[in-house]
N, C-alpha and C. Protein backbone atom coordinates (compact mmCIF):
# COMPACT_ATOMS: atom_id res chain seq x y z
N MET A 1 12.53 9.91 16.70
CA MET A 1 12.88 8.70 17.41
C MET A 1 14.37 8.42 17.22
N SER A 2 15.05 8.11 18.26
CA SER A 2 16.49 7.84 18.15
C SER A 2 16.73 6.37 17.86
N THR A 3 17.91 6.10 17.31
CA THR A 3 18.28 4.73 17.00
C THR A 3 18.48 3.95 18.29
N THR A 4 17.89 2.80 18.37
CA THR A 4 18.07 1.90 19.50
C THR A 4 18.56 0.58 18.96
N ASN A 5 19.56 0.02 19.61
CA ASN A 5 20.11 -1.25 19.15
C ASN A 5 19.20 -2.39 19.59
N PHE A 6 18.29 -2.80 18.71
CA PHE A 6 17.38 -3.90 19.00
C PHE A 6 18.01 -5.24 18.67
N TYR A 7 19.07 -5.23 17.89
CA TYR A 7 19.66 -6.46 17.42
C TYR A 7 21.10 -6.56 17.91
N SER A 8 21.32 -7.50 18.78
CA SER A 8 22.64 -7.69 19.38
C SER A 8 23.56 -8.42 18.42
N THR A 9 24.83 -8.38 18.75
CA THR A 9 25.83 -9.13 17.99
C THR A 9 25.46 -10.60 17.94
N GLU A 10 24.96 -11.12 19.05
CA GLU A 10 24.58 -12.54 19.11
C GLU A 10 23.44 -12.84 18.14
N LYS A 11 22.46 -11.94 18.04
CA LYS A 11 21.35 -12.15 17.10
C LYS A 11 21.84 -12.12 15.66
N TYR A 12 22.74 -11.18 15.36
CA TYR A 12 23.29 -11.13 14.01
C TYR A 12 24.14 -12.37 13.71
N ASP A 13 24.90 -12.84 14.70
CA ASP A 13 25.68 -14.07 14.51
C ASP A 13 24.75 -15.25 14.23
N SER A 14 23.66 -15.33 14.96
CA SER A 14 22.67 -16.39 14.74
C SER A 14 22.05 -16.28 13.35
N LEU A 15 21.74 -15.06 12.93
CA LEU A 15 21.19 -14.83 11.58
C LEU A 15 22.18 -15.30 10.52
N ALA A 16 23.45 -14.96 10.69
CA ALA A 16 24.48 -15.35 9.72
C ALA A 16 24.58 -16.88 9.64
N LYS A 17 24.51 -17.54 10.77
CA LYS A 17 24.56 -19.02 10.79
C LYS A 17 23.34 -19.62 10.11
N GLN A 18 22.16 -19.05 10.35
CA GLN A 18 20.95 -19.52 9.69
C GLN A 18 21.05 -19.36 8.18
N LEU A 19 21.55 -18.21 7.74
CA LEU A 19 21.70 -17.95 6.31
C LEU A 19 22.69 -18.93 5.70
N ASP A 20 23.80 -19.15 6.36
CA ASP A 20 24.81 -20.09 5.87
C ASP A 20 24.21 -21.47 5.68
N ALA A 21 23.45 -21.93 6.64
CA ALA A 21 22.81 -23.26 6.56
C ALA A 21 21.75 -23.30 5.46
N LEU A 22 20.99 -22.22 5.33
CA LEU A 22 19.94 -22.15 4.32
C LEU A 22 20.48 -22.22 2.90
N LEU A 23 21.65 -21.63 2.68
CA LEU A 23 22.22 -21.55 1.34
C LEU A 23 23.20 -22.67 1.01
N LEU A 24 23.48 -23.50 1.99
CA LEU A 24 24.44 -24.59 1.82
C LEU A 24 24.12 -25.45 0.60
N ASP A 25 25.10 -25.65 -0.25
CA ASP A 25 25.01 -26.53 -1.42
C ASP A 25 24.05 -26.04 -2.51
N GLU A 26 23.62 -24.79 -2.45
CA GLU A 26 22.78 -24.25 -3.52
C GLU A 26 23.56 -23.22 -4.31
N PRO A 27 23.86 -23.49 -5.59
CA PRO A 27 24.67 -22.57 -6.38
C PRO A 27 23.89 -21.47 -7.10
N ASN A 28 22.55 -21.56 -7.16
CA ASN A 28 21.78 -20.62 -7.95
C ASN A 28 21.68 -19.25 -7.27
N LEU A 29 22.14 -18.23 -7.96
CA LEU A 29 22.16 -16.86 -7.43
C LEU A 29 20.78 -16.39 -7.01
N TYR A 30 19.79 -16.54 -7.88
CA TYR A 30 18.46 -16.01 -7.59
C TYR A 30 17.76 -16.79 -6.48
N ALA A 31 17.97 -18.08 -6.42
CA ALA A 31 17.40 -18.86 -5.31
C ALA A 31 18.01 -18.40 -3.99
N ASN A 32 19.32 -18.19 -3.97
CA ASN A 32 19.99 -17.77 -2.75
C ASN A 32 19.59 -16.36 -2.32
N LEU A 33 19.51 -15.45 -3.27
CA LEU A 33 19.10 -14.09 -2.92
C LEU A 33 17.63 -14.03 -2.50
N SER A 34 16.80 -14.86 -3.11
CA SER A 34 15.38 -14.92 -2.73
C SER A 34 15.23 -15.42 -1.30
N ASN A 35 15.92 -16.51 -0.97
CA ASN A 35 15.85 -17.02 0.39
C ASN A 35 16.49 -16.06 1.39
N ALA A 36 17.56 -15.40 0.99
CA ALA A 36 18.19 -14.42 1.88
C ALA A 36 17.24 -13.26 2.17
N SER A 37 16.56 -12.76 1.15
CA SER A 37 15.64 -11.63 1.38
C SER A 37 14.47 -12.06 2.26
N ALA A 38 13.97 -13.28 2.09
CA ALA A 38 12.88 -13.78 2.93
C ALA A 38 13.34 -13.95 4.38
N LEU A 39 14.52 -14.52 4.58
CA LEU A 39 15.05 -14.70 5.93
C LEU A 39 15.27 -13.35 6.62
N LEU A 40 15.88 -12.42 5.91
CA LEU A 40 16.11 -11.09 6.48
C LEU A 40 14.80 -10.38 6.80
N ASN A 41 13.80 -10.55 5.94
CA ASN A 41 12.50 -9.93 6.18
C ASN A 41 11.86 -10.47 7.46
N GLN A 42 12.05 -11.74 7.74
CA GLN A 42 11.54 -12.32 8.98
C GLN A 42 12.31 -11.81 10.19
N PHE A 43 13.59 -11.56 10.02
CA PHE A 43 14.47 -11.14 11.11
C PHE A 43 14.15 -9.73 11.60
N PHE A 44 13.90 -8.82 10.68
CA PHE A 44 13.73 -7.41 11.01
C PHE A 44 12.28 -7.05 11.30
N ASP A 45 12.12 -6.09 12.20
CA ASP A 45 10.83 -5.43 12.36
C ASP A 45 11.04 -3.96 12.00
N ARG A 46 9.95 -3.23 11.87
CA ARG A 46 10.01 -1.80 11.58
C ARG A 46 10.71 -1.50 10.27
N ILE A 47 10.52 -2.36 9.28
CA ILE A 47 11.02 -2.09 7.93
C ILE A 47 9.85 -2.21 6.96
N ASN A 48 10.01 -1.62 5.78
CA ASN A 48 8.96 -1.74 4.77
C ASN A 48 9.49 -2.26 3.43
N TRP A 49 10.81 -2.47 3.33
CA TRP A 49 11.37 -3.02 2.08
C TRP A 49 12.75 -3.59 2.40
N ILE A 50 13.02 -4.75 1.80
CA ILE A 50 14.34 -5.37 1.97
C ILE A 50 14.62 -6.19 0.72
N GLY A 51 15.80 -6.02 0.16
CA GLY A 51 16.12 -6.79 -1.02
C GLY A 51 17.46 -6.42 -1.62
N PHE A 52 17.63 -6.88 -2.84
CA PHE A 52 18.92 -6.77 -3.52
C PHE A 52 18.78 -6.08 -4.86
N TYR A 53 19.81 -5.32 -5.20
CA TYR A 53 20.02 -4.81 -6.54
C TYR A 53 21.34 -5.41 -7.02
N LEU A 54 21.38 -5.82 -8.26
CA LEU A 54 22.57 -6.46 -8.82
C LEU A 54 23.14 -5.64 -9.97
N MET A 55 24.47 -5.59 -10.04
CA MET A 55 25.13 -4.86 -11.12
C MET A 55 24.93 -5.61 -12.43
N GLU A 56 24.51 -4.88 -13.43
CA GLU A 56 24.32 -5.43 -14.77
C GLU A 56 24.55 -4.31 -15.78
N ASP A 57 25.51 -4.50 -16.67
CA ASP A 57 25.82 -3.51 -17.69
C ASP A 57 26.05 -2.12 -17.10
N GLY A 58 26.77 -2.06 -15.97
CA GLY A 58 27.16 -0.79 -15.39
C GLY A 58 26.12 -0.07 -14.56
N GLU A 59 24.99 -0.72 -14.27
CA GLU A 59 23.99 -0.11 -13.41
C GLU A 59 23.37 -1.17 -12.50
N LEU A 60 22.71 -0.72 -11.46
CA LEU A 60 22.03 -1.64 -10.55
C LEU A 60 20.66 -1.98 -11.12
N VAL A 61 20.33 -3.27 -11.06
CA VAL A 61 19.04 -3.76 -11.54
C VAL A 61 18.37 -4.51 -10.39
N LEU A 62 17.10 -4.28 -10.22
CA LEU A 62 16.33 -4.90 -9.15
C LEU A 62 16.46 -6.42 -9.16
N GLY A 63 16.73 -6.96 -7.99
CA GLY A 63 16.81 -8.40 -7.80
C GLY A 63 15.74 -8.85 -6.82
N PRO A 64 15.89 -10.03 -6.24
CA PRO A 64 14.91 -10.54 -5.29
C PRO A 64 14.72 -9.59 -4.10
N PHE A 65 13.45 -9.44 -3.68
CA PHE A 65 13.14 -8.53 -2.58
C PHE A 65 11.84 -8.93 -1.90
N GLN A 66 11.58 -8.27 -0.79
CA GLN A 66 10.33 -8.38 -0.06
C GLN A 66 9.82 -6.96 0.16
N GLY A 67 8.60 -6.69 -0.25
CA GLY A 67 8.03 -5.36 -0.07
C GLY A 67 7.25 -4.93 -1.28
N ARG A 68 6.93 -3.65 -1.33
CA ARG A 68 6.17 -3.08 -2.45
C ARG A 68 7.03 -3.05 -3.72
N PRO A 69 6.40 -2.93 -4.88
CA PRO A 69 7.17 -2.79 -6.11
C PRO A 69 8.19 -1.66 -5.96
N ALA A 70 9.34 -1.84 -6.65
CA ALA A 70 10.46 -0.92 -6.44
C ALA A 70 11.01 -0.40 -7.76
N CYS A 71 11.89 0.59 -7.64
CA CYS A 71 12.60 1.10 -8.81
C CYS A 71 13.37 -0.06 -9.44
N VAL A 72 13.36 -0.14 -10.76
CA VAL A 72 13.98 -1.27 -11.43
C VAL A 72 15.46 -1.03 -11.70
N ARG A 73 15.84 0.16 -12.09
CA ARG A 73 17.24 0.45 -12.44
C ARG A 73 17.73 1.69 -11.70
N ILE A 74 18.95 1.61 -11.20
CA ILE A 74 19.57 2.73 -10.49
C ILE A 74 20.98 2.89 -11.02
N GLN A 75 21.32 4.09 -11.43
CA GLN A 75 22.65 4.37 -11.95
C GLN A 75 23.66 4.47 -10.81
N VAL A 76 24.88 4.04 -11.07
CA VAL A 76 25.96 4.18 -10.10
C VAL A 76 26.13 5.65 -9.78
N GLY A 77 26.24 5.97 -8.50
CA GLY A 77 26.38 7.34 -8.06
C GLY A 77 25.07 8.04 -7.79
N LYS A 78 23.95 7.41 -8.10
CA LYS A 78 22.63 8.02 -7.89
C LYS A 78 21.93 7.35 -6.70
N GLY A 79 21.26 8.16 -5.90
CA GLY A 79 20.53 7.64 -4.76
C GLY A 79 21.46 6.99 -3.74
N VAL A 80 20.89 6.38 -2.73
CA VAL A 80 21.67 5.74 -1.68
C VAL A 80 22.36 4.49 -2.23
N CYS A 81 21.63 3.67 -2.97
CA CYS A 81 22.23 2.44 -3.51
C CYS A 81 23.37 2.72 -4.46
N GLY A 82 23.15 3.63 -5.40
CA GLY A 82 24.20 3.96 -6.35
C GLY A 82 25.41 4.61 -5.71
N THR A 83 25.18 5.39 -4.64
CA THR A 83 26.28 6.00 -3.91
C THR A 83 27.10 4.95 -3.16
N ALA A 84 26.42 3.95 -2.59
CA ALA A 84 27.13 2.86 -1.90
C ALA A 84 28.01 2.09 -2.88
N VAL A 85 27.54 1.91 -4.11
CA VAL A 85 28.35 1.24 -5.13
C VAL A 85 29.56 2.10 -5.46
N GLU A 86 29.33 3.37 -5.71
CA GLU A 86 30.41 4.29 -6.08
C GLU A 86 31.49 4.36 -5.00
N LYS A 87 31.08 4.40 -3.74
CA LYS A 87 32.02 4.52 -2.63
C LYS A 87 32.55 3.17 -2.13
N LYS A 88 31.92 2.07 -2.60
CA LYS A 88 32.27 0.73 -2.11
C LYS A 88 32.22 0.69 -0.59
N ALA A 89 31.16 1.29 -0.04
CA ALA A 89 31.01 1.37 1.41
C ALA A 89 29.54 1.35 1.79
N SER A 90 29.27 0.81 2.96
CA SER A 90 27.91 0.82 3.50
C SER A 90 27.50 2.24 3.84
N ILE A 91 26.20 2.50 3.71
CA ILE A 91 25.68 3.83 4.01
C ILE A 91 24.43 3.67 4.88
N ILE A 92 24.41 4.43 5.98
CA ILE A 92 23.21 4.53 6.81
C ILE A 92 22.66 5.93 6.61
N VAL A 93 21.37 6.01 6.28
CA VAL A 93 20.73 7.30 6.08
C VAL A 93 19.61 7.43 7.12
N PRO A 94 19.82 8.27 8.13
CA PRO A 94 18.81 8.43 9.18
C PRO A 94 17.50 9.05 8.68
N ASP A 95 17.60 9.94 7.68
CA ASP A 95 16.44 10.62 7.11
C ASP A 95 16.65 10.73 5.61
N VAL A 96 15.92 9.92 4.84
CA VAL A 96 16.14 9.89 3.39
C VAL A 96 15.83 11.22 2.73
N GLU A 97 14.96 12.01 3.33
CA GLU A 97 14.63 13.31 2.75
C GLU A 97 15.81 14.27 2.83
N ALA A 98 16.76 14.00 3.71
CA ALA A 98 17.94 14.85 3.85
C ALA A 98 19.11 14.34 3.02
N PHE A 99 18.94 13.21 2.33
CA PHE A 99 20.02 12.65 1.51
C PHE A 99 19.93 13.25 0.11
N PRO A 100 20.97 13.99 -0.32
CA PRO A 100 20.93 14.61 -1.65
C PRO A 100 20.77 13.56 -2.76
N GLY A 101 19.78 13.73 -3.59
CA GLY A 101 19.57 12.83 -4.71
C GLY A 101 18.87 11.54 -4.36
N HIS A 102 18.25 11.46 -3.17
CA HIS A 102 17.53 10.24 -2.79
C HIS A 102 16.48 9.91 -3.85
N ILE A 103 16.40 8.64 -4.21
CA ILE A 103 15.42 8.17 -5.19
C ILE A 103 14.23 7.60 -4.42
N VAL A 104 13.08 8.17 -4.63
CA VAL A 104 11.88 7.73 -3.92
C VAL A 104 11.23 6.58 -4.67
N CYS A 105 11.28 5.40 -4.07
CA CYS A 105 10.56 4.25 -4.62
C CYS A 105 9.26 4.04 -3.84
N ASP A 106 9.33 4.22 -2.52
CA ASP A 106 8.17 4.08 -1.65
C ASP A 106 8.13 5.33 -0.77
N VAL A 107 7.08 6.13 -0.90
CA VAL A 107 6.99 7.38 -0.15
C VAL A 107 6.94 7.14 1.35
N ALA A 108 6.65 5.93 1.78
CA ALA A 108 6.60 5.62 3.21
C ALA A 108 8.00 5.47 3.82
N SER A 109 9.01 5.24 3.00
CA SER A 109 10.37 5.05 3.52
C SER A 109 10.91 6.35 4.09
N ARG A 110 11.49 6.25 5.31
CA ARG A 110 12.04 7.43 5.97
C ARG A 110 13.52 7.29 6.26
N SER A 111 14.00 6.04 6.47
CA SER A 111 15.42 5.82 6.69
C SER A 111 15.84 4.58 5.91
N GLU A 112 17.17 4.43 5.73
CA GLU A 112 17.65 3.38 4.83
C GLU A 112 19.07 2.98 5.22
N ILE A 113 19.38 1.71 4.95
CA ILE A 113 20.75 1.22 5.06
C ILE A 113 21.04 0.43 3.80
N VAL A 114 22.22 0.63 3.23
CA VAL A 114 22.65 -0.08 2.03
C VAL A 114 24.04 -0.64 2.28
N VAL A 115 24.20 -1.94 2.00
CA VAL A 115 25.48 -2.61 2.16
C VAL A 115 25.90 -3.16 0.80
N PRO A 116 27.05 -2.71 0.29
CA PRO A 116 27.50 -3.23 -1.00
C PRO A 116 27.98 -4.67 -0.88
N MET A 117 27.76 -5.43 -1.94
CA MET A 117 28.23 -6.81 -2.03
C MET A 117 29.48 -6.79 -2.91
N ILE A 118 30.64 -6.97 -2.29
CA ILE A 118 31.91 -6.84 -3.00
C ILE A 118 32.60 -8.20 -3.07
N LYS A 119 32.86 -8.63 -4.30
CA LYS A 119 33.53 -9.92 -4.52
C LYS A 119 34.71 -9.67 -5.45
N ASN A 120 35.89 -10.12 -5.05
CA ASN A 120 37.11 -9.89 -5.83
C ASN A 120 37.31 -8.41 -6.15
N ASP A 121 37.07 -7.56 -5.13
CA ASP A 121 37.22 -6.12 -5.21
C ASP A 121 36.28 -5.45 -6.22
N LYS A 122 35.20 -6.15 -6.59
CA LYS A 122 34.24 -5.61 -7.54
C LYS A 122 32.84 -5.66 -6.90
N VAL A 123 32.13 -4.53 -6.97
CA VAL A 123 30.77 -4.50 -6.44
C VAL A 123 29.87 -5.27 -7.40
N ILE A 124 29.22 -6.31 -6.88
CA ILE A 124 28.32 -7.11 -7.72
C ILE A 124 26.85 -6.80 -7.43
N GLY A 125 26.62 -6.03 -6.37
CA GLY A 125 25.26 -5.66 -6.02
C GLY A 125 25.22 -5.00 -4.66
N VAL A 126 24.00 -4.77 -4.17
CA VAL A 126 23.82 -4.19 -2.84
C VAL A 126 22.64 -4.85 -2.15
N LEU A 127 22.73 -4.87 -0.83
CA LEU A 127 21.59 -5.19 0.03
C LEU A 127 21.02 -3.85 0.47
N ASP A 128 19.72 -3.66 0.27
CA ASP A 128 19.05 -2.40 0.57
C ASP A 128 17.90 -2.67 1.52
N ILE A 129 17.83 -1.90 2.62
CA ILE A 129 16.74 -2.05 3.57
C ILE A 129 16.19 -0.66 3.89
N ASP A 130 14.86 -0.53 3.79
CA ASP A 130 14.17 0.73 4.08
C ASP A 130 13.27 0.56 5.30
N SER A 131 13.08 1.66 6.01
CA SER A 131 12.18 1.67 7.16
C SER A 131 11.25 2.87 7.07
N PRO A 132 10.02 2.72 7.55
CA PRO A 132 9.12 3.87 7.62
C PRO A 132 9.41 4.77 8.82
N GLU A 133 10.42 4.43 9.63
CA GLU A 133 10.81 5.23 10.79
C GLU A 133 12.09 6.00 10.52
N LEU A 134 12.17 7.19 11.03
CA LEU A 134 13.41 7.95 10.99
C LEU A 134 14.45 7.27 11.86
N ASN A 135 15.71 7.35 11.43
CA ASN A 135 16.84 6.91 12.25
C ASN A 135 16.70 5.47 12.73
N ARG A 136 16.20 4.59 11.87
CA ARG A 136 15.93 3.20 12.26
C ARG A 136 17.21 2.37 12.41
N PHE A 137 18.25 2.67 11.64
CA PHE A 137 19.42 1.79 11.56
C PHE A 137 20.61 2.35 12.32
N SER A 138 21.33 1.45 12.97
CA SER A 138 22.47 1.82 13.80
C SER A 138 23.77 1.29 13.19
N ASP A 139 24.86 1.70 13.78
CA ASP A 139 26.15 1.17 13.35
C ASP A 139 26.24 -0.33 13.65
N GLU A 140 25.58 -0.77 14.71
CA GLU A 140 25.54 -2.21 15.01
C GLU A 140 24.84 -2.96 13.89
N ASP A 141 23.76 -2.37 13.33
CA ASP A 141 23.09 -2.98 12.19
C ASP A 141 24.04 -3.07 11.00
N ARG A 142 24.79 -2.00 10.76
CA ARG A 142 25.74 -2.00 9.64
C ARG A 142 26.75 -3.14 9.80
N ILE A 143 27.34 -3.25 10.96
CA ILE A 143 28.33 -4.30 11.20
C ILE A 143 27.70 -5.68 11.04
N GLY A 144 26.53 -5.88 11.63
CA GLY A 144 25.85 -7.17 11.52
C GLY A 144 25.49 -7.51 10.09
N LEU A 145 25.00 -6.53 9.34
CA LEU A 145 24.62 -6.78 7.95
C LEU A 145 25.83 -6.98 7.05
N GLU A 146 26.93 -6.31 7.33
CA GLU A 146 28.15 -6.56 6.56
C GLU A 146 28.61 -8.01 6.76
N ASN A 147 28.48 -8.53 7.97
CA ASN A 147 28.82 -9.93 8.22
C ASN A 147 27.86 -10.87 7.50
N VAL A 148 26.58 -10.53 7.50
CA VAL A 148 25.58 -11.34 6.79
C VAL A 148 25.89 -11.36 5.29
N VAL A 149 26.24 -10.21 4.73
CA VAL A 149 26.59 -10.13 3.31
C VAL A 149 27.84 -10.97 3.02
N ASP A 150 28.80 -10.97 3.93
CA ASP A 150 29.99 -11.82 3.75
C ASP A 150 29.61 -13.29 3.65
N VAL A 151 28.67 -13.73 4.50
CA VAL A 151 28.20 -15.11 4.44
C VAL A 151 27.51 -15.36 3.10
N LEU A 152 26.67 -14.45 2.68
CA LEU A 152 25.97 -14.57 1.41
C LEU A 152 26.96 -14.69 0.24
N LEU A 153 28.00 -13.88 0.27
CA LEU A 153 28.98 -13.88 -0.82
C LEU A 153 29.71 -15.22 -0.95
N LYS A 154 29.81 -15.97 0.13
CA LYS A 154 30.41 -17.31 0.04
C LYS A 154 29.60 -18.25 -0.83
N HIS A 155 28.30 -17.95 -0.99
CA HIS A 155 27.41 -18.85 -1.69
C HIS A 155 27.01 -18.35 -3.07
N ILE A 156 27.56 -17.22 -3.48
CA ILE A 156 27.20 -16.73 -4.83
C ILE A 156 28.47 -16.41 -5.63
């Protein structure tokens, strides 16, 4: 299946505005990430996991998410999430089985997008989304999610 842009710039702009309003005046990191993961889970279809990993003592540690139980710790440079931290860049993986060193948390996952959360030039975590479909995520998704992460970073 090829990537199809199901989410327009306007939909992502609307999502960013909803997230901004939802997090307004709430300083708690975990409350904000929990609400963000719930909102994003409602927004997307054809996904099986969505959530956050946060940097702690030099590695990624599982944060708020929606989906099946997940890997708890991921080393920087390992898997898609750790590679996104190392490169300080978003990564779209059309087929996780073709990604060297992919970490299998859910065998149903076939494609993935990871967006690093960078504050003051330091990666503080990542947004990770998995899909049971090959080639689920597009460059439009990357751009939209990077904007959503920017809104989130204003509140944490």
